[in-house]
PDB file of all heavy atoms in Angstrom:
ATOM      1  N   GLY A   1      81.719  41.502  25.341  1.00  0.00           N
ATOM      2  CA  GLY A   1      80.691  42.467  25.511  1.00  0.00           C
ATOM      3  C   GLY A   1      79.446  42.188  24.634  1.00  0.00           C
ATOM      4  O   GLY A   1      79.506  41.227  23.773  1.00  0.00           O
ATOM      5  N   THR A   2      78.402  42.892  24.824  1.00  0.00           N
ATOM      6  CA  THR A   2      77.254  42.781  23.975  1.00  0.00           C
ATOM      7  C   THR A   2      77.222  43.816  22.842  1.00  0.00           C
ATOM      8  O   THR A   2      76.549  43.652  21.840  1.00  0.00           O
ATOM      9  CB  THR A   2      76.009  42.927  24.800  1.00  0.00           C
ATOM     10  OG1 THR A   2      75.994  44.237  25.488  1.00  0.00           O
ATOM     11  CG2 THR A   2      75.888  41.855  25.878  1.00  0.00           C
ATOM     12  N   SER A   3      77.969  44.898  23.044  1.00  0.00           N
ATOM     13  CA  SER A   3      78.096  45.927  22.021  1.00  0.00           C
ATOM     14  C   SER A   3      79.287  46.829  22.476  1.00  0.00           C
ATOM     15  O   SER A   3      79.776  46.706  23.585  1.00  0.00           O
ATOM     16  CB  SER A   3      76.828  46.759  21.834  1.00  0.00           C
ATOM     17  OG  SER A   3      76.628  47.520  22.997  1.00  0.00           O
ATOM     18  N   SER A   4      79.602  47.812  21.632  1.00  0.00           N
ATOM     19  CA  SER A   4      80.612  48.801  22.002  1.00  0.00           C
ATOM     20  C   SER A   4      80.112  49.760  23.154  1.00  0.00           C
ATOM     21  O   SER A   4      80.904  50.473  23.731  1.00  0.00           O
ATOM     22  CB  SER A   4      81.020  49.638  20.813  1.00  0.00           C
ATOM     23  OG  SER A   4      81.836  48.886  19.943  1.00  0.00           O
ATOM     24  N   GLN A   5      78.809  49.673  23.412  1.00  0.00           N
ATOM     25  CA  GLN A   5      78.281  50.408  24.553  1.00  0.00           C
ATOM     26  C   GLN A   5      78.219  49.582  25.817  1.00  0.00           C
ATOM     27  O   GLN A   5      77.729  50.039  26.846  1.00  0.00           O
ATOM     28  CB  GLN A   5      76.826  50.912  24.167  1.00  0.00           C
ATOM     29  CG  GLN A   5      76.846  52.041  23.172  1.00  0.00           C
ATOM     30  CD  GLN A   5      77.183  51.624  21.778  1.00  0.00           C
ATOM     31  OE1 GLN A   5      76.690  50.586  21.300  1.00  0.00           O
ATOM     32  NE2 GLN A   5      78.057  52.329  21.167  1.00  0.00           N
ATOM     33  N   ASN A   6      78.706  48.319  25.710  1.00  0.00           N
ATOM     34  CA  ASN A   6      78.718  47.475  26.927  1.00  0.00           C
ATOM     35  C   ASN A   6      79.843  46.499  26.738  1.00  0.00           C
ATOM     36  O   ASN A   6      79.676  45.303  26.517  1.00  0.00           O
ATOM     37  CB  ASN A   6      77.404  46.767  27.057  1.00  0.00           C
ATOM     38  CG  ASN A   6      77.316  45.988  28.334  1.00  0.00           C
ATOM     39  OD1 ASN A   6      77.922  46.294  29.389  1.00  0.00           O
ATOM     40  ND2 ASN A   6      76.600  44.841  28.308  1.00  0.00           N
ATOM     41  N   LEU A   7      81.129  46.951  26.895  1.00  0.00           N
ATOM     42  CA  LEU A   7      82.289  46.178  26.596  1.00  0.00           C
ATOM     43  C   LEU A   7      83.111  46.043  27.918  1.00  0.00           C
ATOM     44  O   LEU A   7      83.328  47.028  28.619  1.00  0.00           O
ATOM     45  CB  LEU A   7      83.144  46.823  25.570  1.00  0.00           C
ATOM     46  CG  LEU A   7      84.484  46.174  25.241  1.00  0.00           C
ATOM     47  CD1 LEU A   7      84.306  44.816  24.600  1.00  0.00           C
ATOM     48  CD2 LEU A   7      85.342  47.075  24.344  1.00  0.00           C
ATOM     49  N   TYR A   8      83.541  44.776  28.234  1.00  0.00           N
ATOM     50  CA  TYR A   8      84.377  44.550  29.371  1.00  0.00           C
ATOM     51  C   TYR A   8      85.755  44.129  28.903  1.00  0.00           C
ATOM     52  O   TYR A   8      85.951  43.258  28.027  1.00  0.00           O
ATOM     53  CB  TYR A   8      83.782  43.452  30.222  1.00  0.00           C
ATOM     54  CG  TYR A   8      82.555  43.821  30.966  1.00  0.00           C
ATOM     55  CD1 TYR A   8      81.312  43.799  30.367  1.00  0.00           C
ATOM     56  CD2 TYR A   8      82.647  44.283  32.333  1.00  0.00           C
ATOM     57  CE1 TYR A   8      80.118  44.212  31.076  1.00  0.00           C
ATOM     58  CE2 TYR A   8      81.500  44.653  33.006  1.00  0.00           C
ATOM     59  CZ  TYR A   8      80.271  44.645  32.395  1.00  0.00           C
ATOM     60  OH  TYR A   8      79.162  45.030  33.068  1.00  0.00           O
ATOM     61  N   CYS A   9      86.782  44.677  29.611  1.00  0.00           N
ATOM     62  CA  CYS A   9      88.193  44.332  29.347  1.00  0.00           C
ATOM     63  C   CYS A   9      88.795  43.930  30.625  1.00  0.00           C
ATOM     64  O   CYS A   9      88.695  44.575  31.675  1.00  0.00           O
ATOM     65  CB  CYS A   9      88.956  45.580  28.830  1.00  0.00           C
ATOM     66  SG  CYS A   9      88.190  46.319  27.358  1.00  0.00           S
ATOM     67  N   VAL A  10      89.493  42.750  30.627  1.00  0.00           N
ATOM     68  CA  VAL A  10      90.048  42.217  31.884  1.00  0.00           C
ATOM     69  C   VAL A  10      91.509  41.816  31.585  1.00  0.00           C
ATOM     70  O   VAL A  10      91.970  41.658  30.504  1.00  0.00           O
ATOM     71  CB  VAL A  10      89.274  40.955  32.346  1.00  0.00           C
ATOM     72  CG1 VAL A  10      87.800  41.264  32.508  1.00  0.00           C
ATOM     73  CG2 VAL A  10      89.480  39.750  31.369  1.00  0.00           C
ATOM     74  N   GLY A  11      92.300  41.698  32.742  1.00  0.00           N
ATOM     75  CA  GLY A  11      93.670  41.364  32.514  1.00  0.00           C
ATOM     76  C   GLY A  11      94.466  41.220  33.779  1.00  0.00           C
ATOM     77  O   GLY A  11      93.947  40.669  34.814  1.00  0.00           O
ATOM     78  N   LEU A  12      95.726  41.687  33.792  1.00  0.00           N
ATOM     79  CA  LEU A  12      96.644  41.475  34.843  1.00  0.00           C
ATOM     80  C   LEU A  12      96.355  42.182  36.163  1.00  0.00           C
ATOM     81  O   LEU A  12      95.642  43.217  36.154  1.00  0.00           O
ATOM     82  CB  LEU A  12      98.057  41.910  34.473  1.00  0.00           C
ATOM     83  CG  LEU A  12      98.568  41.319  33.105  1.00  0.00           C
ATOM     84  CD1 LEU A  12      99.967  41.771  32.848  1.00  0.00           C
ATOM     85  CD2 LEU A  12      98.516  39.853  33.068  1.00  0.00           C
ATOM     86  N   ASN A  13      96.732  41.572  37.252  1.00  0.00           N
ATOM     87  CA  ASN A  13      96.523  42.165  38.575  1.00  0.00           C
ATOM     88  C   ASN A  13      95.091  42.488  38.934  1.00  0.00           C
ATOM     89  O   ASN A  13      94.802  43.521  39.621  1.00  0.00           O
ATOM     90  CB  ASN A  13      97.417  43.454  38.717  1.00  0.00           C
ATOM     91  CG  ASN A  13      98.842  43.146  38.435  1.00  0.00           C
ATOM     92  OD1 ASN A  13      99.439  42.124  39.029  1.00  0.00           O
ATOM     93  ND2 ASN A  13      99.486  43.919  37.620  1.00  0.00           N
ATOM     94  N   GLY A  14      94.145  41.733  38.442  1.00  0.00           N
ATOM     95  CA  GLY A  14      92.755  41.896  38.778  1.00  0.00           C
ATOM     96  C   GLY A  14      92.060  43.054  38.030  1.00  0.00           C
ATOM     97  O   GLY A  14      90.972  43.482  38.487  1.00  0.00           O
ATOM     98  N   ALA A  15      92.628  43.470  36.909  1.00  0.00           N
ATOM     99  CA  ALA A  15      92.082  44.680  36.219  1.00  0.00           C
ATOM    100  C   ALA A  15      90.790  44.335  35.489  1.00  0.00           C
ATOM    101  O   ALA A  15      90.737  43.315  34.803  1.00  0.00           O
ATOM    102  CB  ALA A  15      93.082  45.162  35.250  1.00  0.00           C
ATOM    103  N   ILE A  16      89.752  45.165  35.676  1.00  0.00           N
ATOM    104  CA  ILE A  16      88.542  45.099  34.918  1.00  0.00           C
ATOM    105  C   ILE A  16      88.122  46.499  34.510  1.00  0.00           C
ATOM    106  O   ILE A  16      87.971  47.379  35.423  1.00  0.00           O
ATOM    107  CB  ILE A  16      87.404  44.497  35.678  1.00  0.00           C
ATOM    108  CG1 ILE A  16      87.745  43.021  36.188  1.00  0.00           C
ATOM    109  CG2 ILE A  16      86.138  44.420  34.859  1.00  0.00           C
ATOM    110  CD1 ILE A  16      86.656  42.404  37.039  1.00  0.00           C
ATOM    111  N   TYR A  17      87.936  46.747  33.245  1.00  0.00           N
ATOM    112  CA  TYR A  17      87.394  48.032  32.750  1.00  0.00           C
ATOM    113  C   TYR A  17      86.086  47.766  31.991  1.00  0.00           C
ATOM    114  O   TYR A  17      85.908  46.820  31.333  1.00  0.00           O
ATOM    115  CB  TYR A  17      88.379  48.650  31.777  1.00  0.00           C
ATOM    116  CG  TYR A  17      89.775  48.957  32.381  1.00  0.00           C
ATOM    117  CD1 TYR A  17      90.902  48.300  31.961  1.00  0.00           C
ATOM    118  CD2 TYR A  17      89.905  50.002  33.312  1.00  0.00           C
ATOM    119  CE1 TYR A  17      92.125  48.500  32.491  1.00  0.00           C
ATOM    120  CE2 TYR A  17      91.203  50.236  33.882  1.00  0.00           C
ATOM    121  CZ  TYR A  17      92.271  49.516  33.464  1.00  0.00           C
ATOM    122  OH  TYR A  17      93.504  49.795  33.975  1.00  0.00           O
ATOM    123  N   HIS A  18      85.183  48.735  32.145  1.00  0.00           N
ATOM    124  CA  HIS A  18      83.923  48.672  31.501  1.00  0.00           C
ATOM    125  C   HIS A  18      83.731  49.911  30.634  1.00  0.00           C
ATOM    126  O   HIS A  18      83.942  51.071  31.072  1.00  0.00           O
ATOM    127  CB  HIS A  18      82.720  48.570  32.463  1.00  0.00           C
ATOM    128  CG  HIS A  18      81.373  48.529  31.748  1.00  0.00           C
ATOM    129  ND1 HIS A  18      80.537  49.669  31.748  1.00  0.00           N
ATOM    130  CD2 HIS A  18      80.755  47.634  30.956  1.00  0.00           C
ATOM    131  CE1 HIS A  18      79.434  49.367  31.058  1.00  0.00           C
ATOM    132  NE2 HIS A  18      79.573  48.152  30.597  1.00  0.00           N
ATOM    133  N   HIS A  19      83.389  49.695  29.320  1.00  0.00           N
ATOM    134  CA  HIS A  19      83.138  50.821  28.394  1.00  0.00           C
ATOM    135  C   HIS A  19      81.674  50.897  28.061  1.00  0.00           C
ATOM    136  O   HIS A  19      81.048  49.954  27.621  1.00  0.00           O
ATOM    137  CB  HIS A  19      83.936  50.544  27.057  1.00  0.00           C
ATOM    138  CG  HIS A  19      83.879  51.692  26.121  1.00  0.00           C
ATOM    139  ND1 HIS A  19      84.142  52.992  26.433  1.00  0.00           N
ATOM    140  CD2 HIS A  19      83.578  51.712  24.809  1.00  0.00           C
ATOM    141  CE1 HIS A  19      84.046  53.756  25.388  1.00  0.00           C
ATOM    142  NE2 HIS A  19      83.652  53.006  24.360  1.00  0.00           N
ATOM    143  N   SER A  20      81.134  52.090  28.335  1.00  0.00           N
ATOM    144  CA  SER A  20      79.712  52.319  28.119  1.00  0.00           C
ATOM    145  C   SER A  20      79.379  52.914  26.793  1.00  0.00           C
ATOM    146  O   SER A  20      78.215  53.187  26.475  1.00  0.00           O
ATOM    147  CB  SER A  20      79.141  53.278  29.201  1.00  0.00           C
ATOM    148  OG  SER A  20      79.712  54.579  29.047  1.00  0.00           O
ATOM    149  N   GLY A  21      80.413  53.163  25.998  1.00  0.00           N
ATOM    150  CA  GLY A  21      80.195  53.774  24.708  1.00  0.00           C
ATOM    151  C   GLY A  21      80.757  55.206  24.667  1.00  0.00           C
ATOM    152  O   GLY A  21      81.259  55.684  23.669  1.00  0.00           O
ATOM    153  N   THR A  22      80.634  55.894  25.809  1.00  0.00           N
ATOM    154  CA  THR A  22      81.175  57.218  25.909  1.00  0.00           C
ATOM    155  C   THR A  22      82.258  57.370  27.044  1.00  0.00           C
ATOM    156  O   THR A  22      83.040  58.232  26.952  1.00  0.00           O
ATOM    157  CB  THR A  22      80.031  58.245  26.167  1.00  0.00           C
ATOM    158  OG1 THR A  22      79.298  57.870  27.331  1.00  0.00           O
ATOM    159  CG2 THR A  22      79.077  58.246  25.002  1.00  0.00           C
ATOM    160  N   THR A  23      82.091  56.569  28.065  1.00  0.00           N
ATOM    161  CA  THR A  23      82.995  56.662  29.225  1.00  0.00           C
ATOM    162  C   THR A  23      83.551  55.309  29.629  1.00  0.00           C
ATOM    163  O   THR A  23      82.928  54.273  29.297  1.00  0.00           O
ATOM    164  CB  THR A  23      82.308  57.324  30.438  1.00  0.00           C
ATOM    165  OG1 THR A  23      81.263  56.482  30.862  1.00  0.00           O
ATOM    166  CG2 THR A  23      81.820  58.689  30.138  1.00  0.00           C
ATOM    167  N   TRP A  24      84.709  55.364  30.279  1.00  0.00           N
ATOM    168  CA  TRP A  24      85.261  54.102  30.862  1.00  0.00           C
ATOM    169  C   TRP A  24      85.115  54.124  32.392  1.00  0.00           C
ATOM    170  O   TRP A  24      85.137  55.165  32.997  1.00  0.00           O
ATOM    171  CB  TRP A  24      86.728  54.085  30.548  1.00  0.00           C
ATOM    172  CG  TRP A  24      87.103  53.741  29.126  1.00  0.00           C
ATOM    173  CD1 TRP A  24      87.314  54.639  28.123  1.00  0.00           C
ATOM    174  CD2 TRP A  24      87.198  52.440  28.552  1.00  0.00           C
ATOM    175  NE1 TRP A  24      87.567  54.001  26.925  1.00  0.00           N
ATOM    176  CE2 TRP A  24      87.516  52.620  27.191  1.00  0.00           C
ATOM    177  CE3 TRP A  24      87.095  51.136  29.069  1.00  0.00           C
ATOM    178  CZ2 TRP A  24      87.713  51.564  26.330  1.00  0.00           C
ATOM    179  CZ3 TRP A  24      87.313  50.076  28.180  1.00  0.00           C
ATOM    180  CH2 TRP A  24      87.581  50.301  26.859  1.00  0.00           C
TER     181      TRP A  24
END
């Protein structure tokens, strides 16, 4: 990510989560 307000998490079974700082 570029910051905790723009964080990407990826993993098993095609999972992608994005964190905006307040919400997922």
